[in-house]
């Protein structure tokens, strides 16, 4: 347990160093992560939500979620 705990400060220093060095690339990396998450939702979750007897409820949930995120994005 002691050996695994001693590695954590080294990892924290590495993360802080990587964050300062990659400051300019951070928005691009975050945009890529958001794009990957969007792809997973569209490719995997949306078809599953729209399938079956509760397809209308899934579509309503997707529409309400999209509307709520749009309102929050504009309000911020």
PDB file of N, CA and C in Angstrom:
ATOM      1  N   UNK A   1       0.829  -1.191   0.000  1.00  0.00           N
ATOM      2  CA  UNK A   1       0.000   0.000   0.000  1.00  0.00           C
ATOM      3  C   UNK A   1       0.872   1.252   0.000  1.00  0.00           C
ATOM      4  N   UNK A   2       1.975   1.207   0.718  1.00  0.00           N
ATOM      5  CA  UNK A   2       2.865   2.370   0.766  1.00  0.00           C
ATOM      6  C   UNK A   2       3.485   2.643  -0.600  1.00  0.00           C
ATOM      7  N   UNK A   3       3.884   1.583  -1.282  1.00  0.00           N
ATOM      8  CA  UNK A   3       4.517   1.758  -2.594  1.00  0.00           C
ATOM      9  C   UNK A   3       3.546   2.351  -3.609  1.00  0.00           C
ATOM     10  N   UNK A   4       2.287   1.919  -3.560  1.00  0.00           N
ATOM     11  CA  UNK A   4       1.332   2.483  -4.511  1.00  0.00           C
ATOM     12  C   UNK A   4       1.002   3.933  -4.166  1.00  0.00           C
ATOM     13  N   UNK A   5       1.033   4.285  -2.890  1.00  0.00           N
ATOM     14  CA  UNK A   5       0.763   5.667  -2.504  1.00  0.00           C
ATOM     15  C   UNK A   5       1.906   6.612  -2.840  1.00  0.00           C
ATOM     16  N   UNK A   6       3.124   6.091  -2.886  1.00  0.00           N
ATOM     17  CA  UNK A   6       4.269   6.943  -3.208  1.00  0.00           C
ATOM     18  C   UNK A   6       4.282   7.381  -4.668  1.00  0.00           C
ATOM     19  N   UNK A   7       3.605   6.653  -5.518  1.00  0.00           N
ATOM     20  CA  UNK A   7       3.587   6.983  -6.944  1.00  0.00           C
ATOM     21  C   UNK A   7       2.626   8.136  -7.228  1.00  0.00           C
ATOM     22  N   UNK A   8       1.647   8.352  -6.398  1.00  0.00           N
ATOM     23  CA  UNK A   8       0.636   9.379  -6.662  1.00  0.00           C
ATOM     24  C   UNK A   8       1.206  10.796  -6.769  1.00  0.00           C
ATOM     25  N   UNK A   9       2.104  11.247  -5.909  1.00  0.00           N
ATOM     26  CA  UNK A   9       2.662  12.590  -6.104  1.00  0.00           C
ATOM     27  C   UNK A   9       3.426  12.731  -7.424  1.00  0.00           C
ATOM     28  N   UNK A  10       4.106  11.661  -7.829  1.00  0.00           N
ATOM     29  CA  UNK A  10       4.817  11.700  -9.112  1.00  0.00           C
ATOM     30  C   UNK A  10       3.819  11.864 -10.252  1.00  0.00           C
ATOM     31  N   UNK A  11       2.706  11.136 -10.183  1.00  0.00           N
ATOM     32  CA  UNK A  11       1.663  11.274 -11.204  1.00  0.00           C
ATOM     33  C   UNK A  11       1.044  12.656 -11.189  1.00  0.00           C
ATOM     34  N   UNK A  12       0.860  13.238 -10.008  1.00  0.00           N
ATOM     35  CA  UNK A  12       0.326  14.598  -9.912  1.00  0.00           C
ATOM     36  C   UNK A  12       1.270  15.622 -10.524  1.00  0.00           C
ATOM     37  N   UNK A  13       2.555  15.483 -10.266  1.00  0.00           N
ATOM     38  CA  UNK A  13       3.536  16.391 -10.877  1.00  0.00           C
ATOM     39  C   UNK A  13       3.569  16.232 -12.386  1.00  0.00           C
ATOM     40  N   UNK A  14       3.480  14.993 -12.860  1.00  0.00           N
ATOM     41  CA  UNK A  14       3.440  14.756 -14.303  1.00  0.00           C
ATOM     42  C   UNK A  14       2.201  15.386 -14.922  1.00  0.00           C
ATOM     43  N   UNK A  15       1.060  15.254 -14.256  1.00  0.00           N
ATOM     44  CA  UNK A  15      -0.174  15.865 -14.768  1.00  0.00           C
ATOM     45  C   UNK A  15      -0.099  17.379 -14.793  1.00  0.00           C
ATOM     46  N   UNK A  16       0.475  17.979 -13.750  1.00  0.00           N
ATOM     47  CA  UNK A  16       0.625  19.437 -13.721  1.00  0.00           C
ATOM     48  C   UNK A  16       1.570  19.907 -14.817  1.00  0.00           C
ATOM     49  N   UNK A  17       2.653  19.192 -15.014  1.00  0.00           N
ATOM     50  CA  UNK A  17       3.599  19.552 -16.072  1.00  0.00           C
ATOM     51  C   UNK A  17       2.966  19.398 -17.451  1.00  0.00           C
ATOM     52  N   UNK A  18       2.250  18.306 -17.654  1.00  0.00           N
ATOM     53  CA  UNK A  18       1.590  18.089 -18.945  1.00  0.00           C
ATOM     54  C   UNK A  18       0.527  19.152 -19.196  1.00  0.00           C
ATOM     55  N   UNK A  19      -0.183  19.574 -18.142  1.00  0.00           N
ATOM     56  CA  UNK A  19      -1.202  20.609 -18.309  1.00  0.00           C
ATOM     57  C   UNK A  19      -0.626  21.955 -18.682  1.00  0.00           C
ATOM     58  N   UNK A  20       0.534  22.296 -18.126  1.00  0.00           N
ATOM     59  CA  UNK A  20       1.143  23.585 -18.475  1.00  0.00           C
ATOM     60  C   UNK A  20       1.762  23.544 -19.864  1.00  0.00           C
ATOM     61  N   UNK A  21       2.321  22.409 -20.243  1.00  0.00           N
ATOM     62  CA  UNK A  21       2.951  22.320 -21.566  1.00  0.00           C
ATOM     63  C   UNK A  21       1.926  22.212 -22.691  1.00  0.00           C
ATOM     64  N   UNK A  22       0.792  21.613 -22.409  1.00  0.00           N
ATOM     65  CA  UNK A  22      -0.203  21.378 -23.448  1.00  0.00           C
ATOM     66  C   UNK A  22      -1.366  22.358 -23.346  1.00  0.00           C
ATOM     67  N   UNK A  23      -1.142  23.525 -22.790  1.00  0.00           N
ATOM     68  CA  UNK A  23      -2.215  24.503 -22.617  1.00  0.00           C
ATOM     69  C   UNK A  23      -2.880  24.908 -23.922  1.00  0.00           C
ATOM     70  N   UNK A  24      -2.095  25.069 -24.964  1.00  0.00           N
ATOM     71  CA  UNK A  24      -2.652  25.483 -26.249  1.00  0.00           C
ATOM     72  C   UNK A  24      -3.433  24.350 -26.916  1.00  0.00           C
ATOM     73  N   UNK A  25      -3.039  23.124 -26.673  1.00  0.00           N
ATOM     74  CA  UNK A  25      -3.706  21.982 -27.309  1.00  0.00           C
ATOM     75  C   UNK A  25      -4.927  21.512 -26.527  1.00  0.00           C
ATOM     76  N   UNK A  26      -5.091  21.996 -25.312  1.00  0.00           N
ATOM     77  CA  UNK A  26      -6.182  21.520 -24.467  1.00  0.00           C
ATOM     78  C   UNK A  26      -7.562  21.725 -25.094  1.00  0.00           C
ATOM     79  N   UNK A  27      -7.887  22.882 -25.686  1.00  0.00           N
ATOM     80  CA  UNK A  27      -9.205  23.018 -26.316  1.00  0.00           C
ATOM     81  C   UNK A  27      -9.428  22.022 -27.455  1.00  0.00           C
ATOM     82  N   UNK A  28      -8.397  21.732 -28.205  1.00  0.00           N
ATOM     83  CA  UNK A  28      -8.536  20.769 -29.299  1.00  0.00           C
ATOM     84  C   UNK A  28      -8.767  19.355 -28.770  1.00  0.00           C
ATOM     85  N   UNK A  29      -8.072  19.003 -27.707  1.00  0.00           N
ATOM     86  CA  UNK A  29      -8.241  17.675 -27.126  1.00  0.00           C
ATOM     87  C   UNK A  29      -9.629  17.539 -26.510  1.00  0.00           C
ATOM     88  N   UNK A  30     -10.096  18.580 -25.845  1.00  0.00           N
ATOM     89  CA  UNK A  30     -11.436  18.537 -25.271  1.00  0.00           C
ATOM     90  C   UNK A  30     -12.503  18.473 -26.358  1.00  0.00           C
ATOM     91  N   UNK A  31     -12.282  19.157 -27.468  1.00  0.00           N
ATOM     92  CA  UNK A  31     -13.221  19.091 -28.588  1.00  0.00           C
ATOM     93  C   UNK A  31     -13.241  17.692 -29.192  1.00  0.00           C
ATOM     94  N   UNK A  32     -12.083  17.052 -29.284  1.00  0.00           N
ATOM     95  CA  UNK A  32     -12.032  15.687 -29.798  1.00  0.00           C
ATOM     96  C   UNK A  32     -12.764  14.730 -28.857  1.00  0.00           C
ATOM     97  N   UNK A  33     -12.604  14.926 -27.561  1.00  0.00           N
ATOM     98  CA  UNK A  33     -13.312  14.077 -26.597  1.00  0.00           C
ATOM     99  C   UNK A  33     -14.822  14.284 -26.702  1.00  0.00           C
ATOM    100  N   UNK A  34     -15.251  15.522 -26.878  1.00  0.00           N
ATOM    101  CA  UNK A  34     -16.685  15.798 -27.030  1.00  0.00           C
ATOM    102  C   UNK A  34     -17.216  15.174 -28.312  1.00  0.00           C
ATOM    103  N   UNK A  35     -16.445  15.228 -29.377  1.00  0.00           N
ATOM    104  CA  UNK A  35     -16.857  14.597 -30.629  1.00  0.00           C
ATOM    105  C   UNK A  35     -16.982  13.094 -30.489  1.00  0.00           C
ATOM    106  N   UNK A  36     -16.054  12.466 -29.767  1.00  0.00           N
ATOM    107  CA  UNK A  36     -16.127  11.025 -29.550  1.00  0.00           C
ATOM    108  C   UNK A  36     -17.362  10.667 -28.722  1.00  0.00           C
ATOM    109  N   UNK A  37     -17.661  11.459 -27.710  1.00  0.00           N
ATOM    110  CA  UNK A  37     -18.843  11.201 -26.889  1.00  0.00           C
ATOM    111  C   UNK A  37     -20.116  11.381 -27.709  1.00  0.00           C
ATOM    112  N   UNK A  38     -20.155  12.386 -28.570  1.00  0.00           N
ATOM    113  CA  UNK A  38     -21.321  12.609 -29.423  1.00  0.00           C
ATOM    114  C   UNK A  38     -21.511  11.436 -30.377  1.00  0.00           C
ATOM    115  N   UNK A  39     -20.415  10.935 -30.935  1.00  0.00           N
ATOM    116  CA  UNK A  39     -20.504   9.796 -31.847  1.00  0.00           C
ATOM    117  C   UNK A  39     -21.073   8.576 -31.130  1.00  0.00           C
ATOM    118  N   UNK A  40     -20.633   8.323 -29.918  1.00  0.00           N
ATOM    119  CA  UNK A  40     -21.136   7.172 -29.167  1.00  0.00           C
ATOM    120  C   UNK A  40     -22.630   7.315 -28.923  1.00  0.00           C
ATOM    121  N   UNK A  41     -23.069   8.523 -28.567  1.00  0.00           N
ATOM    122  CA  UNK A  41     -24.500   8.733 -28.314  1.00  0.00           C
ATOM    123  C   UNK A  41     -25.307   8.511 -29.582  1.00  0.00           C
ATOM    124  N   UNK A  42     -24.863   9.077 -30.684  1.00  0.00           N
ATOM    125  CA  UNK A  42     -25.613   8.971 -31.933  1.00  0.00           C
ATOM    126  C   UNK A  42     -25.569   7.543 -32.483  1.00  0.00           C
ATOM    127  N   UNK A  43     -24.439   6.907 -32.364  1.00  0.00           N
ATOM    128  CA  UNK A  43     -24.269   5.576 -32.965  1.00  0.00           C
ATOM    129  C   UNK A  43     -24.843   4.452 -32.101  1.00  0.00           C
ATOM    130  N   UNK A  44     -24.741   4.573 -30.786  1.00  0.00           N
ATOM    131  CA  UNK A  44     -25.137   3.480 -29.909  1.00  0.00           C
ATOM    132  C   UNK A  44     -26.417   3.761 -29.122  1.00  0.00           C
ATOM    133  N   UNK A  45     -26.486   4.904 -28.467  1.00  0.00           N
ATOM    134  CA  UNK A  45     -27.579   5.147 -27.532  1.00  0.00           C
ATOM    135  C   UNK A  45     -28.867   5.593 -28.214  1.00  0.00           C
ATOM    136  N   UNK A  46     -28.791   6.471 -29.182  1.00  0.00           N
ATOM    137  CA  UNK A  46     -30.002   6.973 -29.829  1.00  0.00           C
ATOM    138  C   UNK A  46     -30.794   5.860 -30.526  1.00  0.00           C
ATOM    139  N   UNK A  47     -30.160   4.983 -31.302  1.00  0.00           N
ATOM    140  CA  UNK A  47     -30.949   3.904 -31.913  1.00  0.00           C
ATOM    141  C   UNK A  47     -31.599   2.983 -30.875  1.00  0.00           C
ATOM    142  N   UNK A  48     -30.900   2.733 -29.779  1.00  0.00           N
ATOM    143  CA  UNK A  48     -31.479   1.880 -28.741  1.00  0.00           C
ATOM    144  C   UNK A  48     -32.655   2.569 -28.061  1.00  0.00           C
ATOM    145  N   UNK A  49     -32.585   3.892 -27.906  1.00  0.00           N
ATOM    146  CA  UNK A  49     -33.673   4.629 -27.264  1.00  0.00           C
ATOM    147  C   UNK A  49     -34.901   4.719 -28.164  1.00  0.00           C
ATOM    148  N   UNK A  50     -34.710   4.708 -29.459  1.00  0.00           N
ATOM    149  CA  UNK A  50     -35.821   4.866 -30.398  1.00  0.00           C
ATOM    150  C   UNK A  50     -36.425   3.536 -30.835  1.00  0.00           C
ATOM    151  N   UNK A  51     -35.845   2.439 -30.408  1.00  0.00           N
ATOM    152  CA  UNK A  51     -36.285   1.111 -30.809  1.00  0.00           C
ATOM    153  C   UNK A  51     -37.370   0.601 -29.860  1.00  0.00           C
ATOM    154  N   UNK A  52     -38.256  -0.190 -30.367  1.00  0.00           N
ATOM    155  CA  UNK A  52     -39.224  -0.882 -29.530  1.00  0.00           C
ATOM    156  C   UNK A  52     -40.487  -0.085 -29.282  1.00  0.00           C
ATOM    157  N   UNK A  53     -41.231  -0.560 -28.299  1.00  0.00           N
ATOM    158  CA  UNK A  53     -42.543   0.024 -28.004  1.00  0.00           C
ATOM    159  C   UNK A  53     -42.450   1.407 -27.380  1.00  0.00           C
ATOM    160  N   UNK A  54     -41.325   1.723 -26.768  1.00  0.00           N
ATOM    161  CA  UNK A  54     -41.181   3.025 -26.113  1.00  0.00           C
ATOM    162  C   UNK A  54     -40.365   3.998 -26.971  1.00  0.00           C
ATOM    163  N   UNK A  55     -40.432   3.847 -28.264  1.00  0.00           N
ATOM    164  CA  UNK A  55     -39.665   4.698 -29.174  1.00  0.00           C
ATOM    165  C   UNK A  55     -40.067   6.157 -29.102  1.00  0.00           C
ATOM    166  N   UNK A  56     -41.369   6.420 -28.932  1.00  0.00           N
ATOM    167  CA  UNK A  56     -41.828   7.806 -28.842  1.00  0.00           C
ATOM    168  C   UNK A  56     -41.329   8.469 -27.569  1.00  0.00           C
ATOM    169  N   UNK A  57     -41.290   7.731 -26.481  1.00  0.00           N
ATOM    170  CA  UNK A  57     -40.770   8.284 -25.226  1.00  0.00           C
ATOM    171  C   UNK A  57     -39.275   8.570 -25.351  1.00  0.00           C
ATOM    172  N   UNK A  58     -38.550   7.697 -26.045  1.00  0.00           N
ATOM    173  CA  UNK A  58     -37.126   7.928 -26.273  1.00  0.00           C
ATOM    174  C   UNK A  58     -36.883   9.155 -27.119  1.00  0.00           C
ATOM    175  N   UNK A  59     -37.685   9.321 -28.169  1.00  0.00           N
ATOM    176  CA  UNK A  59     -37.545  10.497 -29.030  1.00  0.00           C
ATOM    177  C   UNK A  59     -37.872  11.771 -28.258  1.00  0.00           C
ATOM    178  N   UNK A  60     -38.905  11.729 -27.416  1.00  0.00           N
ATOM    179  CA  UNK A  60     -39.245  12.898 -26.609  1.00  0.00           C
ATOM    180  C   UNK A  60     -38.131  13.224 -25.627  1.00  0.00           C
ATOM    181  N   UNK A  61     -37.541  12.204 -25.034  1.00  0.00           N
ATOM    182  CA  UNK A  61     -36.427  12.427 -24.114  1.00  0.00           C
ATOM    183  C   UNK A  61     -35.223  13.033 -24.814  1.00  0.00           C
ATOM    184  N   UNK A  62     -34.896  12.525 -26.002  1.00  0.00           N
ATOM    185  CA  UNK A  62     -33.784  13.092 -26.769  1.00  0.00           C
ATOM    186  C   UNK A  62     -34.049  14.550 -27.136  1.00  0.00           C
ATOM    187  N   UNK A  63     -35.272  14.847 -27.571  1.00  0.00           N
ATOM    188  CA  UNK A  63     -35.617  16.216 -27.956  1.00  0.00           C
ATOM    189  C   UNK A  63     -35.571  17.150 -26.755  1.00  0.00           C
ATOM    190  N   UNK A  64     -36.101  16.707 -25.617  1.00  0.00           N
ATOM    191  CA  UNK A  64     -36.075  17.551 -24.414  1.00  0.00           C
ATOM    192  C   UNK A  64     -34.648  17.775 -23.927  1.00  0.00           C
ATOM    193  N   UNK A  65     -33.836  16.747 -23.971  1.00  0.00           N
ATOM    194  CA  UNK A  65     -32.439  16.892 -23.571  1.00  0.00           C
ATOM    195  C   UNK A  65     -31.685  17.846 -24.473  1.00  0.00           C
ATOM    196  N   UNK A  66     -31.911  17.734 -25.774  1.00  0.00           N
ATOM    197  CA  UNK A  66     -31.258  18.637 -26.715  1.00  0.00           C
ATOM    198  C   UNK A  66     -31.708  20.078 -26.482  1.00  0.00           C
ATOM    199  N   UNK A  67     -33.009  20.266 -26.256  1.00  0.00           N
ATOM    200  CA  UNK A  67     -33.524  21.617 -26.015  1.00  0.00           C
ATOM    201  C   UNK A  67     -32.938  22.189 -24.720  1.00  0.00           C
ATOM    202  N   UNK A  68     -32.863  21.375 -23.685  1.00  0.00           N
ATOM    203  CA  UNK A  68     -32.322  21.867 -22.408  1.00  0.00           C
ATOM    204  C   UNK A  68     -30.846  22.247 -22.565  1.00  0.00           C
ATOM    205  N   UNK A  69     -30.071  21.437 -23.246  1.00  0.00           N
ATOM    206  CA  UNK A  69     -28.659  21.770 -23.449  1.00  0.00           C
ATOM    207  C   UNK A  69     -28.496  23.003 -24.316  1.00  0.00           C
ATOM    208  N   UNK A  70     -29.356  23.190 -25.298  1.00  0.00           N
ATOM    209  CA  UNK A  70     -29.288  24.393 -26.132  1.00  0.00           C
ATOM    210  C   UNK A  70     -29.593  25.634 -25.319  1.00  0.00           C
ATOM    211  N   UNK A  71     -30.605  25.572 -24.470  1.00  0.00           N
ATOM    212  CA  UNK A  71     -30.960  26.722 -23.620  1.00  0.00           C
ATOM    213  C   UNK A  71     -29.803  27.023 -22.667  1.00  0.00           C
ATOM    214  N   UNK A  72     -29.224  25.998 -22.067  1.00  0.00           N
ATOM    215  CA  UNK A  72     -28.119  26.218 -21.136  1.00  0.00           C
ATOM    216  C   UNK A  72     -26.881  26.778 -21.842  1.00  0.00           C
ATOM    217  N   UNK A  73     -26.640  26.350 -23.073  1.00  0.00           N
ATOM    218  CA  UNK A  73     -25.492  26.865 -23.820  1.00  0.00           C
ATOM    219  C   UNK A  73     -25.662  28.340 -24.172  1.00  0.00           C
ATOM    220  N   UNK A  74     -26.868  28.734 -24.499  1.00  0.00           N
ATOM    221  CA  UNK A  74     -27.123  30.132 -24.854  1.00  0.00           C
ATOM    222  C   UNK A  74     -27.138  31.011 -23.619  1.00  0.00           C
ATOM    223  N   UNK A  75     -27.647  30.474 -22.510  1.00  0.00           N
ATOM    224  CA  UNK A  75     -27.771  31.272 -21.278  1.00  0.00           C
ATOM    225  C   UNK A  75     -26.411  31.494 -20.626  1.00  0.00           C
ATOM    226  N   UNK A  76     -25.455  30.633 -20.862  1.00  0.00           N
ATOM    227  CA  UNK A  76     -24.158  30.750 -20.176  1.00  0.00           C
ATOM    228  C   UNK A  76     -23.275  31.776 -20.785  1.00  0.00           C
TER     229      UNK A  76
END
